[in-house]
Protein backbone atom coordinates (compact mmCIF):
# COMPACT_ATOMS: atom_id res chain seq x y z
CA MET A 1 39.51 6.35 -86.04
CA LEU A 2 37.82 9.63 -86.65
CA ARG A 3 34.07 9.86 -86.17
CA PHE A 4 32.03 12.01 -88.49
CA ALA A 5 28.55 13.25 -87.44
CA ASP A 6 27.50 13.17 -91.18
CA PRO A 7 28.35 10.01 -93.08
CA GLY A 8 28.54 12.10 -96.31
CA VAL A 9 31.65 13.98 -95.09
CA ARG A 10 33.66 10.70 -94.85
CA GLN A 11 32.60 9.70 -98.33
CA ALA A 12 33.36 13.13 -99.78
CA LEU A 13 36.89 13.01 -98.08
CA LYS A 14 37.47 9.49 -99.43
CA VAL A 15 36.66 10.67 -102.98
CA ARG A 16 38.96 13.86 -102.60
CA ALA A 17 41.76 11.53 -101.15
CA ALA A 18 41.50 9.27 -104.22
CA VAL A 19 41.59 12.14 -106.71
CA ASN A 20 44.68 13.60 -104.92
CA ARG A 21 46.20 10.09 -104.61
CA ARG A 22 46.39 10.22 -100.86
CA SER A 23 45.26 8.17 -97.98
CA LEU A 24 42.29 9.48 -96.03
CA ASN A 25 44.55 10.25 -93.27
CA ALA A 26 46.97 12.19 -95.42
CA GLU A 27 44.04 14.13 -96.96
CA ILE A 28 42.73 15.19 -93.64
CA LEU A 29 46.21 16.26 -92.52
CA CYS A 30 46.63 18.20 -95.81
CA LEU A 31 43.37 20.05 -95.27
CA ILE A 32 44.18 20.79 -91.70
CA ASP A 33 47.60 22.19 -92.74
CA ALA A 34 45.95 24.34 -95.55
CA GLY A 35 43.41 25.75 -93.07
CA LEU A 36 46.02 26.63 -90.60
CA LYS A 37 48.22 28.36 -93.31
CA ALA A 38 45.15 30.30 -94.49
CA GLN A 39 44.33 31.33 -91.03
CA LYS A 40 47.77 32.52 -90.45
CA GLU A 41 47.80 34.55 -93.63
CA ASN A 42 44.44 36.16 -92.84
CA ALA A 43 45.38 36.94 -89.22
CA PRO A 44 46.64 40.55 -89.93
CA THR A 45 43.34 41.26 -91.78
CA ALA A 46 41.23 39.88 -88.99
CA ALA A 47 43.22 41.98 -86.44
CA THR A 48 42.68 45.11 -88.62
CA VAL A 49 38.92 44.42 -88.80
CA GLU A 50 38.68 43.89 -85.07
CA ALA A 51 40.64 47.10 -84.40
CA LEU A 52 38.35 49.09 -86.69
CA ASP A 53 35.31 47.59 -84.99
CA LEU A 54 36.53 48.81 -81.64
CA GLN A 55 36.84 52.48 -82.79
């Protein structure tokens, strides 16, 4: 069981899961996976920005 600080988040995820024809658990895992992929894709950009800030 995952606890949400804001009850609206759970409801929004349930609606999103229903639209995507997934369980709540599958929707959460899909969002985590998408976030990790986006972070990995943006890592070189973040490293470049950090390097420029150090100069």
